[in-house]
Each structure stands twice: as C-alpha cells, then as structure tokens.
C-alpha atoms as a PDB file:
ATOM      1  CA  MET A   1     -12.436  20.438  28.553  1.00  0.00           C
ATOM      2  CA  GLU A   2     -14.635  17.803  26.926  1.00  0.00           C
ATOM      3  CA  SER A   3     -17.327  16.169  29.006  1.00  0.00           C
ATOM      4  CA  LYS A   4     -17.630  12.394  29.288  1.00  0.00           C
ATOM      5  CA  GLN A   5     -20.738  12.550  27.087  1.00  0.00           C
ATOM      6  CA  GLU A   6     -18.827  14.398  24.321  1.00  0.00           C
ATOM      7  CA  ARG A   7     -15.956  11.926  24.493  1.00  0.00           C
ATOM      8  CA  ALA A   8     -18.386   9.014  24.325  1.00  0.00           C
ATOM      9  CA  GLY A   9     -19.767  10.209  20.996  1.00  0.00           C
ATOM     10  CA  ILE A  10     -23.160   9.377  19.527  1.00  0.00           C
ATOM     11  CA  GLN A  11     -23.719   5.644  19.576  1.00  0.00           C
ATOM     12  CA  SER A  12     -26.522   5.666  17.000  1.00  0.00           C
ATOM     13  CA  VAL A  13     -24.200   7.246  14.435  1.00  0.00           C
ATOM     14  CA  GLU A  14     -21.600   4.542  15.045  1.00  0.00           C
ATOM     15  CA  VAL A  15     -24.224   1.787  14.845  1.00  0.00           C
ATOM     16  CA  GLY A  16     -25.706   3.148  11.654  1.00  0.00           C
ATOM     17  CA  PHE A  17     -22.314   3.418  10.004  1.00  0.00           C
ATOM     18  CA  ALA A  18     -22.189  -0.392   9.941  1.00  0.00           C
ATOM     19  CA  LEU A  19     -24.758  -0.263   7.117  1.00  0.00           C
ATOM     20  CA  LEU A  20     -22.634   2.090   5.030  1.00  0.00           C
ATOM     21  CA  ASP A  21     -19.579  -0.020   5.753  1.00  0.00           C
ATOM     22  CA  ALA A  22     -21.424  -3.164   4.626  1.00  0.00           C
ATOM     23  CA  LEU A  23     -22.517  -1.471   1.397  1.00  0.00           C
ATOM     24  CA  SER A  24     -18.993  -0.287   0.636  1.00  0.00           C
ATOM     25  CA  ALA A  25     -17.601  -3.773   1.248  1.00  0.00           C
ATOM     26  CA  GLY A  26     -20.228  -5.432  -0.934  1.00  0.00           C
ATOM     27  CA  THR A  27     -19.879  -6.147  -4.639  1.00  0.00           C
ATOM     28  CA  GLY A  28     -23.114  -4.375  -5.612  1.00  0.00           C
ATOM     29  CA  PRO A  29     -26.643  -3.414  -4.515  1.00  0.00           C
ATOM     30  CA  MET A  30     -27.978  -5.432  -1.580  1.00  0.00           C
ATOM     31  CA  MET A  31     -31.355  -6.618  -0.345  1.00  0.00           C
ATOM     32  CA  LEU A  32     -32.501  -5.266   3.023  1.00  0.00           C
ATOM     33  CA  ARG A  33     -32.213  -8.636   4.775  1.00  0.00           C
ATOM     34  CA  ASP A  34     -28.673  -9.199   3.481  1.00  0.00           C
ATOM     35  CA  LEU A  35     -27.581  -5.684   4.316  1.00  0.00           C
ATOM     36  CA  ALA A  36     -29.024  -5.905   7.823  1.00  0.00           C
ATOM     37  CA  ALA A  37     -27.328  -9.256   8.409  1.00  0.00           C
ATOM     38  CA  ALA A  38     -23.978  -7.899   7.204  1.00  0.00           C
ATOM     39  CA  ALA A  39     -24.333  -4.931   9.579  1.00  0.00           C
ATOM     40  CA  GLY A  40     -25.365  -7.151  12.501  1.00  0.00           C
ATOM     41  CA  MET A  41     -28.804  -5.672  13.113  1.00  0.00           C
ATOM     42  CA  SER A  42     -32.478  -6.492  12.544  1.00  0.00           C
ATOM     43  CA  ALA A  43     -34.121  -5.639   9.244  1.00  0.00           C
ATOM     44  CA  ALA A  44     -36.543  -3.245  10.970  1.00  0.00           C
ATOM     45  CA  LYS A  45     -33.708  -1.353  12.632  1.00  0.00           C
ATOM     46  CA  ALA A  46     -31.689  -1.250   9.434  1.00  0.00           C
ATOM     47  CA  HIS A  47     -34.692   0.101   7.521  1.00  0.00           C
ATOM     48  CA  ARG A  48     -35.021   3.086   9.852  1.00  0.00           C
ATOM     49  CA  TYR A  49     -31.400   4.045   9.301  1.00  0.00           C
ATOM     50  CA  LEU A  50     -31.693   3.550   5.552  1.00  0.00           C
ATOM     51  CA  VAL A  51     -34.683   5.891   5.333  1.00  0.00           C
ATOM     52  CA  SER A  52     -32.575   8.667   6.881  1.00  0.00           C
ATOM     53  CA  TYR A  53     -29.571   7.841   4.699  1.00  0.00           C
ATOM     54  CA  GLN A  54     -31.799   8.040   1.597  1.00  0.00           C
ATOM     55  CA  ARG A  55     -32.925  11.518   2.601  1.00  0.00           C
ATOM     56  CA  LEU A  56     -29.283  12.573   2.915  1.00  0.00           C
ATOM     57  CA  GLY A  57     -28.295  11.001  -0.394  1.00  0.00           C
ATOM     58  CA  LEU A  58     -25.903   8.567   1.248  1.00  0.00           C
ATOM     59  CA  VAL A  59     -27.981   5.597   0.088  1.00  0.00           C
ATOM     60  CA  THR A  60     -30.269   4.955  -2.888  1.00  0.00           C
ATOM     61  CA  GLN A  61     -32.929   2.289  -3.373  1.00  0.00           C
ATOM     62  CA  ASP A  62     -33.824   0.790  -6.735  1.00  0.00           C
ATOM     63  CA  ALA A  63     -37.548   1.203  -7.374  1.00  0.00           C
ATOM     64  CA  GLY A  64     -37.682  -2.108  -9.199  1.00  0.00           C
ATOM     65  CA  ASP A  65     -35.879  -4.702  -7.109  1.00  0.00           C
ATOM     66  CA  THR A  66     -35.780  -2.587  -3.875  1.00  0.00           C
ATOM     67  CA  ARG A  67     -32.050  -3.197  -3.437  1.00  0.00           C
ATOM     68  CA  TYR A  68     -29.939  -0.588  -1.649  1.00  0.00           C
ATOM     69  CA  ASP A  69     -26.676   0.916  -2.802  1.00  0.00           C
ATOM     70  CA  LEU A  70     -24.388   3.825  -1.950  1.00  0.00           C
ATOM     71  CA  GLY A  71     -25.750   7.172  -3.113  1.00  0.00           C
ATOM     72  CA  PRO A  72     -24.323  10.355  -4.645  1.00  0.00           C
ATOM     73  CA  ALA A  73     -23.493  11.908  -1.283  1.00  0.00           C
ATOM     74  CA  ALA A  74     -21.321   8.905  -0.425  1.00  0.00           C
ATOM     75  CA  LEU A  75     -19.541   9.268  -3.768  1.00  0.00           C
ATOM     76  CA  LYS A  76     -18.971  12.970  -3.124  1.00  0.00           C
ATOM     77  CA  LEU A  77     -17.440  12.243   0.272  1.00  0.00           C
ATOM     78  CA  GLY A  78     -15.245   9.495  -1.175  1.00  0.00           C
ATOM     79  CA  LEU A  79     -13.940  11.640  -4.007  1.00  0.00           C
ATOM     80  CA  ALA A  80     -13.225  14.520  -1.624  1.00  0.00           C
ATOM     81  CA  THR A  81     -11.264  12.175   0.634  1.00  0.00           C
ATOM     82  CA  LEU A  82      -9.230  10.762  -2.245  1.00  0.00           C
ATOM     83  CA  ALA A  83      -8.466  14.250  -3.553  1.00  0.00           C
ATOM     84  CA  ARG A  84      -7.008  15.199  -0.172  1.00  0.00           C
ATOM     85  CA  GLN A  85      -4.901  12.087   0.294  1.00  0.00           C
ATOM     86  CA  ASP A  86      -1.169  12.643   0.178  1.00  0.00           C
ATOM     87  CA  ALA A  87       0.531   9.272  -0.101  1.00  0.00           C
ATOM     88  CA  ILE A  88       3.979  10.523   0.932  1.00  0.00           C
ATOM     89  CA  ARG A  89       2.654  12.445   3.932  1.00  0.00           C
ATOM     90  CA  MET A  90       0.603   9.447   5.054  1.00  0.00           C
ATOM     91  CA  ALA A  91       3.586   7.146   4.608  1.00  0.00           C
ATOM     92  CA  ARG A  92       5.906   9.455   6.556  1.00  0.00           C
ATOM     93  CA  GLU A  93       3.451   9.425   9.464  1.00  0.00           C
ATOM     94  CA  ARG A  94       3.741   5.626   9.638  1.00  0.00           C
ATOM     95  CA  VAL A  95       7.521   5.443   9.401  1.00  0.00           C
ATOM     96  CA  PRO A  96       8.242   5.903  13.161  1.00  0.00           C
ATOM     97  CA  THR A  97       5.980   2.968  14.078  1.00  0.00           C
ATOM     98  CA  LEU A  98       7.476   0.751  11.374  1.00  0.00           C
ATOM     99  CA  LEU A  99      10.989   1.818  12.392  1.00  0.00           C
ATOM    100  CA  GLN A 100      10.317   0.819  15.984  1.00  0.00           C
ATOM    101  CA  THR A 101       8.828  -2.493  14.881  1.00  0.00           C
ATOM    102  CA  VAL A 102      11.588  -3.628  12.525  1.00  0.00           C
ATOM    103  CA  GLY A 103      14.595  -1.960  14.161  1.00  0.00           C
ATOM    104  CA  HIS A 104      16.244  -1.277  10.802  1.00  0.00           C
ATOM    105  CA  THR A 105      16.480   1.626   8.375  1.00  0.00           C
ATOM    106  CA  VAL A 106      13.129   2.547   6.826  1.00  0.00           C
ATOM    107  CA  ALA A 107      12.935   4.576   3.629  1.00  0.00           C
ATOM    108  CA  LEU A 108      10.341   5.785   1.139  1.00  0.00           C
ATOM    109  CA  ALA A 109      10.840   6.015  -2.614  1.00  0.00           C
ATOM    110  CA  VAL A 110       8.828   7.433  -5.510  1.00  0.00           C
ATOM    111  CA  TRP A 111       9.254   7.234  -9.260  1.00  0.00           C
ATOM    112  CA  GLY A 112      11.149  10.347 -10.354  1.00  0.00           C
ATOM    113  CA  ASN A 113      12.454  11.661 -13.660  1.00  0.00           C
ATOM    114  CA  HIS A 114      15.422   9.308 -13.558  1.00  0.00           C
ATOM    115  CA  GLY A 115      13.911   6.299 -11.790  1.00  0.00           C
ATOM    116  CA  PRO A 116      13.099   5.186  -8.221  1.00  0.00           C
ATOM    117  CA  THR A 117      14.158   8.064  -5.975  1.00  0.00           C
ATOM    118  CA  MET A 118      14.583   8.062  -2.201  1.00  0.00           C
ATOM    119  CA  VAL A 119      12.447  10.825  -0.647  1.00  0.00           C
ATOM    120  CA  HIS A 120      12.488   9.895   3.053  1.00  0.00           C
ATOM    121  CA  TRP A 121      15.018   8.151   5.278  1.00  0.00           C
ATOM    122  CA  ALA A 122      14.827   7.111   8.941  1.00  0.00           C
ATOM    123  CA  GLU A 123      17.438   5.265  10.980  1.00  0.00           C
ATOM    124  CA  THR A 124      17.713   3.756  14.435  1.00  0.00           C
ATOM    125  CA  PRO A 125      20.737   4.435  16.699  1.00  0.00           C
ATOM    126  CA  THR A 126      22.071   0.975  15.852  1.00  0.00           C
ATOM    127  CA  THR A 127      21.479   1.207  12.092  1.00  0.00           C
ATOM    128  CA  ILE A 128      24.463   0.366   9.927  1.00  0.00           C
ATOM    129  CA  THR A 129      25.904   3.244   7.912  1.00  0.00           C
ATOM    130  CA  THR A 130      25.447   3.084   4.154  1.00  0.00           C
ATOM    131  CA  THR A 131      26.245   5.448   1.308  1.00  0.00           C
ATOM    132  CA  LEU A 132      22.557   5.627   0.341  1.00  0.00           C
ATOM    133  CA  ARG A 133      20.844   8.927   1.092  1.00  0.00           C
ATOM    134  CA  LEU A 134      17.889  11.132   0.192  1.00  0.00           C
ATOM    135  CA  GLY A 135      17.645  11.914  -3.503  1.00  0.00           C
ATOM    136  CA  ASP A 136      19.543   8.808  -4.575  1.00  0.00           C
ATOM    137  CA  VAL A 137      18.155   7.051  -7.636  1.00  0.00           C
ATOM    138  CA  MET A 138      18.026   3.286  -7.262  1.00  0.00           C
ATOM    139  CA  PRO A 139      18.973   0.848 -10.043  1.00  0.00           C
ATOM    140  CA  LEU A 140      16.167  -1.411 -11.229  1.00  0.00           C
ATOM    141  CA  LEU A 141      17.953  -4.754 -11.237  1.00  0.00           C
ATOM    142  CA  THR A 142      20.136  -4.633  -8.127  1.00  0.00           C
ATOM    143  CA  SER A 143      17.960  -2.835  -5.563  1.00  0.00           C
ATOM    144  CA  ALA A 144      14.775  -4.038  -3.903  1.00  0.00           C
ATOM    145  CA  THR A 145      13.282  -0.609  -4.589  1.00  0.00           C
ATOM    146  CA  GLY A 146      14.092  -0.795  -8.278  1.00  0.00           C
ATOM    147  CA  LEU A 147      12.759  -4.329  -8.660  1.00  0.00           C
ATOM    148  CA  CYS A 148       9.529  -3.335  -6.942  1.00  0.00           C
ATOM    149  CA  PHE A 149       8.908  -0.419  -9.302  1.00  0.00           C
ATOM    150  CA  ALA A 150       9.971  -2.460 -12.331  1.00  0.00           C
ATOM    151  CA  ALA A 151       7.457  -5.154 -11.407  1.00  0.00           C
ATOM    152  CA  HIS A 152       4.483  -2.842 -10.905  1.00  0.00           C
ATOM    153  CA  LEU A 153       4.900   0.144 -13.213  1.00  0.00           C
ATOM    154  CA  PRO A 154       3.723  -0.017 -16.846  1.00  0.00           C
ATOM    155  CA  TYR A 155       6.442  -1.705 -18.894  1.00  0.00           C
ATOM    156  CA  GLN A 156       6.900   1.286 -21.204  1.00  0.00           C
ATOM    157  CA  ALA A 157       7.869   3.401 -18.206  1.00  0.00           C
ATOM    158  CA  VAL A 158      10.780   1.153 -17.268  1.00  0.00           C
ATOM    159  CA  ALA A 159      11.662  -0.625 -20.531  1.00  0.00           C
ATOM    160  CA  VAL A 160      14.608   1.517 -21.618  1.00  0.00           C
ATOM    161  CA  GLN A 161      16.256   1.562 -18.191  1.00  0.00           C
ATOM    162  CA  LEU A 162      15.674  -2.169 -17.729  1.00  0.00           C
ATOM    163  CA  GLN A 163      17.249  -3.045 -21.059  1.00  0.00           C
ATOM    164  CA  ASN A 164      20.247  -0.788 -20.422  1.00  0.00           C
ATOM    165  CA  GLU A 165      20.868  -2.340 -17.019  1.00  0.00           C
ATOM    166  CA  LEU A 166      20.316  -5.850 -18.369  1.00  0.00           C
ATOM    167  CA  ALA A 167      22.915  -5.279 -21.096  1.00  0.00           C
ATOM    168  CA  GLN A 168      25.379  -4.054 -18.473  1.00  0.00           C
ATOM    169  CA  GLU A 169      24.751  -7.045 -16.208  1.00  0.00           C
ATOM    170  CA  GLN A 170      25.312  -9.435 -19.108  1.00  0.00           C
ATOM    171  CA  LYS A 171      28.829  -8.049 -19.287  1.00  0.00           C
ATOM    172  CA  LEU A 172      29.455  -8.031 -15.526  1.00  0.00           C
ATOM    173  CA  LYS A 173      27.886 -11.466 -14.954  1.00  0.00           C
ATOM    174  CA  ARG A 174      27.259 -10.795 -11.273  1.00  0.00           C
ATOM    175  CA  PRO A 175      25.563 -13.556  -9.280  1.00  0.00           C
ATOM    176  CA  LYS A 176      21.945 -13.086  -8.105  1.00  0.00           C
ATOM    177  CA  VAL A 177      21.311 -10.531 -10.886  1.00  0.00           C
ATOM    178  CA  PRO A 178      19.269 -11.432 -14.010  1.00  0.00           C
ATOM    179  CA  GLN A 179      21.398 -12.100 -17.079  1.00  0.00           C
ATOM    180  CA  SER A 180      18.611 -12.588 -19.620  1.00  0.00           C
ATOM    181  CA  GLN A 181      15.113 -11.353 -20.382  1.00  0.00           C
ATOM    182  CA  ALA A 182      13.708 -14.708 -19.323  1.00  0.00           C
ATOM    183  CA  GLU A 183      15.427 -14.524 -15.921  1.00  0.00           C
ATOM    184  CA  LEU A 184      14.216 -10.956 -15.514  1.00  0.00           C
ATOM    185  CA  ASP A 185      10.618 -11.857 -16.370  1.00  0.00           C
ATOM    186  CA  THR A 186      10.689 -14.699 -13.843  1.00  0.00           C
ATOM    187  CA  LEU A 187      12.086 -12.440 -11.122  1.00  0.00           C
ATOM    188  CA  LEU A 188       9.526  -9.666 -11.710  1.00  0.00           C
ATOM    189  CA  ALA A 189       6.688 -12.188 -11.723  1.00  0.00           C
ATOM    190  CA  ASP A 190       7.909 -13.451  -8.336  1.00  0.00           C
ATOM    191  CA  VAL A 191       7.956  -9.878  -6.975  1.00  0.00           C
ATOM    192  CA  ARG A 192       4.349  -9.387  -8.067  1.00  0.00           C
ATOM    193  CA  GLN A 193       3.242 -12.691  -6.591  1.00  0.00           C
ATOM    194  CA  ARG A 194       4.909 -12.113  -3.222  1.00  0.00           C
ATOM    195  CA  GLY A 195       4.034  -8.435  -2.983  1.00  0.00           C
ATOM    196  CA  LEU A 196       7.643  -7.784  -1.970  1.00  0.00           C
ATOM    197  CA  ALA A 197      11.018  -7.353  -3.631  1.00  0.00           C
ATOM    198  CA  ARG A 198      14.210  -8.549  -1.957  1.00  0.00           C
ATOM    199  CA  VAL A 199      17.950  -8.209  -2.553  1.00  0.00           C
ATOM    200  CA  ALA A 200      21.104  -9.053  -0.607  1.00  0.00           C
ATOM    201  CA  ASN A 201      24.654  -7.935  -1.435  1.00  0.00           C
ATOM    202  CA  THR A 202      23.737  -6.801  -4.950  1.00  0.00           C
ATOM    203  CA  LEU A 203      23.595  -3.038  -4.368  1.00  0.00           C
ATOM    204  CA  VAL A 204      25.717  -2.539  -1.243  1.00  0.00           C
ATOM    205  CA  PRO A 205      27.970  -5.336   0.068  1.00  0.00           C
ATOM    206  CA  GLY A 206      26.745  -6.730   3.372  1.00  0.00           C
ATOM    207  CA  VAL A 207      23.343  -5.052   3.095  1.00  0.00           C
ATOM    208  CA  ALA A 208      19.952  -6.676   2.525  1.00  0.00           C
ATOM    209  CA  GLY A 209      16.778  -4.869   1.584  1.00  0.00           C
ATOM    210  CA  PHE A 210      13.058  -5.360   1.079  1.00  0.00           C
ATOM    211  CA  CYS A 211      10.599  -3.090  -0.724  1.00  0.00           C
ATOM    212  CA  ALA A 212       6.793  -3.246  -0.667  1.00  0.00           C
ATOM    213  CA  PRO A 213       4.585  -1.385  -3.155  1.00  0.00           C
ATOM    214  CA  VAL A 214       1.888   1.105  -2.142  1.00  0.00           C
ATOM    215  CA  PHE A 215      -1.040   1.529  -4.531  1.00  0.00           C
ATOM    216  CA  ASP A 216      -3.684   4.244  -4.850  1.00  0.00           C
ATOM    217  CA  ALA A 217      -7.388   3.964  -5.666  1.00  0.00           C
ATOM    218  CA  ASP A 218      -6.572   3.724  -9.387  1.00  0.00           C
ATOM    219  CA  LYS A 219      -4.319   0.715  -8.730  1.00  0.00           C
ATOM    220  CA  HIS A 220      -1.189   2.701  -9.578  1.00  0.00           C
ATOM    221  CA  MET A 221       1.982   2.166  -7.558  1.00  0.00           C
ATOM    222  CA  VAL A 222       2.594   5.559  -5.956  1.00  0.00           C
ATOM    223  CA  LEU A 223       5.556   4.764  -3.714  1.00  0.00           C
ATOM    224  CA  GLY A 224       7.703   2.027  -2.273  1.00  0.00           C
ATOM    225  CA  MET A 225       8.247   1.366   1.430  1.00  0.00           C
ATOM    226  CA  VAL A 226      11.740   0.049   2.099  1.00  0.00           C
ATOM    227  CA  VAL A 227      13.550  -1.715   4.936  1.00  0.00           C
ATOM    228  CA  LEU A 228      17.356  -1.987   4.837  1.00  0.00           C
ATOM    229  CA  GLY A 229      19.762  -3.674   7.202  1.00  0.00           C
ATOM    230  CA  SER A 230      22.941  -5.625   7.663  1.00  0.00           C
ATOM    231  CA  ASN A 231      22.932  -9.213   6.486  1.00  0.00           C
ATOM    232  CA  ALA A 232      24.027 -10.111   9.992  1.00  0.00           C
ATOM    233  CA  THR A 233      20.968  -8.619  11.685  1.00  0.00           C
ATOM    234  CA  LEU A 234      18.273  -8.496   8.991  1.00  0.00           C
ATOM    235  CA  PRO A 235      17.284 -12.065   8.034  1.00  0.00           C
ATOM    236  CA  CYS A 236      16.801 -12.239   4.293  1.00  0.00           C
ATOM    237  CA  THR A 237      13.960 -14.754   4.501  1.00  0.00           C
ATOM    238  CA  TRP A 238      10.435 -13.990   3.329  1.00  0.00           C
ATOM    239  CA  ASP A 239       8.799 -15.057   6.588  1.00  0.00           C
ATOM    240  CA  SER A 240      11.044 -13.085   8.955  1.00  0.00           C
ATOM    241  CA  PRO A 241       9.488 -10.292  11.088  1.00  0.00           C
ATOM    242  CA  ALA A 242      10.818  -7.283   9.142  1.00  0.00           C
ATOM    243  CA  PRO A 243       9.366  -8.100   5.699  1.00  0.00           C
ATOM    244  CA  LYS A 244       6.108  -9.203   7.307  1.00  0.00           C
ATOM    245  CA  ALA A 245       5.764  -5.880   9.126  1.00  0.00           C
ATOM    246  CA  LEU A 246       6.768  -3.965   5.995  1.00  0.00           C
ATOM    247  CA  SER A 247       4.233  -5.813   3.856  1.00  0.00           C
ATOM    248  CA  ALA A 248       1.451  -5.228   6.399  1.00  0.00           C
ATOM    249  CA  ALA A 249       2.239  -1.497   6.602  1.00  0.00           C
ATOM    250  CA  ALA A 250       2.213  -1.125   2.818  1.00  0.00           C
ATOM    251  CA  ARG A 251      -1.074  -3.020   2.479  1.00  0.00           C
ATOM    252  CA  GLN A 252      -2.722  -0.862   5.136  1.00  0.00           C
ATOM    253  CA  LEU A 253      -1.500   2.350   3.530  1.00  0.00           C
ATOM    254  CA  SER A 254      -2.757   1.168   0.130  1.00  0.00           C
ATOM    255  CA  ALA A 255      -6.154   0.422   1.646  1.00  0.00           C
ATOM    256  CA  ASP A 256      -6.239   3.866   3.279  1.00  0.00           C
ATOM    257  CA  LEU A 257      -5.514   5.405  -0.135  1.00  0.00           C
ATOM    258  CA  GLY A 258      -8.562   3.641  -1.558  1.00  0.00           C
ATOM    259  CA  TYR A 259      -6.849   0.656  -3.186  1.00  0.00           C
ATOM    260  CA  GLN A 260      -8.874  -2.531  -3.507  1.00  0.00           C
ATOM    261  CA  ALA A 261      -6.890  -5.603  -4.462  1.00  0.00           C
END
C-alpha cells in the first residue's frame, strides 16, 4: 500500500514542470525573465531548474542571445508519445463520459475505403432505435459525419463521391441538401467555421445529428465524434448542450493527440 508521502509525489518536479509547460506553450525561444514570469516563479529559482534541465537535454540555451528553448530530450519524449497515441482507443475511452453528459447516442467514425465508416456505437437505455450500425458508411451530403469529413479532408479524397452525390441530389431535389456546387461550398465553409456539422431529417427521418472533427499533430482529421438523437429530444440548435459537449470533447481529444489550432 502506498504511503502518504508516495501519494503526495515530489513537489519540486511538479513546480519545475511549469517551466517546460511555458516553453511548450510559447511561440519560440524565451528570455529567462519571461520564462520565469510565465511559470510563476522568480528568475533565480527558474535558473536553477533550467541548469538541471540543460544537463538532461530537456532545455537548450542559445549561446548568443541566452534564450531558452526545448531541447532534444523533450523532442524525443514528444515523438515517442505521439507514436504511441491511438486516436480510436483514446476516443472510445471518452465515449462513456460524453454519453452520460449528452444522453443521446454517441458514435465514432473514421475514413474508410468507401467513405466515413462507423467504428464505435454507444447508446443509452432511452436512445431511439435507428437502422444505423457499426460498419455503416455514411453519405457525404446528408449525414453530419459525411459533411464533417467532406469539409476537412483534402478535396481530392472526397471529390468523386461528392460529385456523384451532388448529381443524385440535383435529381431528387430534397430540401436542406445542397443542389449546386456553390451551395455545397457554402455549407462546407460553414462546417469548418463552426467546427461542427449538423443535419436533421436528411439521413433518417425524425433524427438529428452532429459531428465534430478530431485532428492529430499533423493537422489531419483522424476521426469524427458523433451525437445522434430524436428531433423531439435533441435540440438542433448550435448552442444547445449536446453539440457544445461534443465540440469540447473533440477539441480536448485533438489537443491530447498533439493538435495545435
């Protein structure tokens, strides 16, 4: 059984980490006074930590302007962390909390060989039943998942499917679905600006859905986090609780994967 001292940890390590955190949050090398201020400590105290970090390779100091920056050991740790990140596993771990928060179906989707593909599905006891299930490939124009991927993937990856679906919709003339390239461009630009895609009644009658993108350290969309629910219980407004919680969860996961907006 751990002692109280072991559970308490080593305070000096936690204090010193503030310097590394300040360097990682900065836009470049920093002067000692600025770095100390950002870490909330005196310059003298910060200097003592930095001397040790230099010995470990976590920090370097420019011989000319004396500014400090992250060192090769910090890079090595960062690359090792990124190499071990599994976006789907990390997303699945967060689904139960998001499910409890929103009270509606939560799903995860990735880009597969045939388009946006559902790879995880979680429901509450009161969730409405839909025909959507694991392995289903979502259309680009009529699903929140599809719109999200269409907005954030390279255009060449989605161009053929988008044009095929657009040609079909021009024949069907369904409301709330783009009928021209101009309408499509406007819709995708709105998805990018809001950081969320939204549909209602376009894929499944009576069902509304939101999808938020998750990005990795290379700024690539690696998966979509989805919330689905009945129009009667899931408000289809941008400022309602469900899309806010979904957006926050996706942003946090992106940050944990190394994404910097």
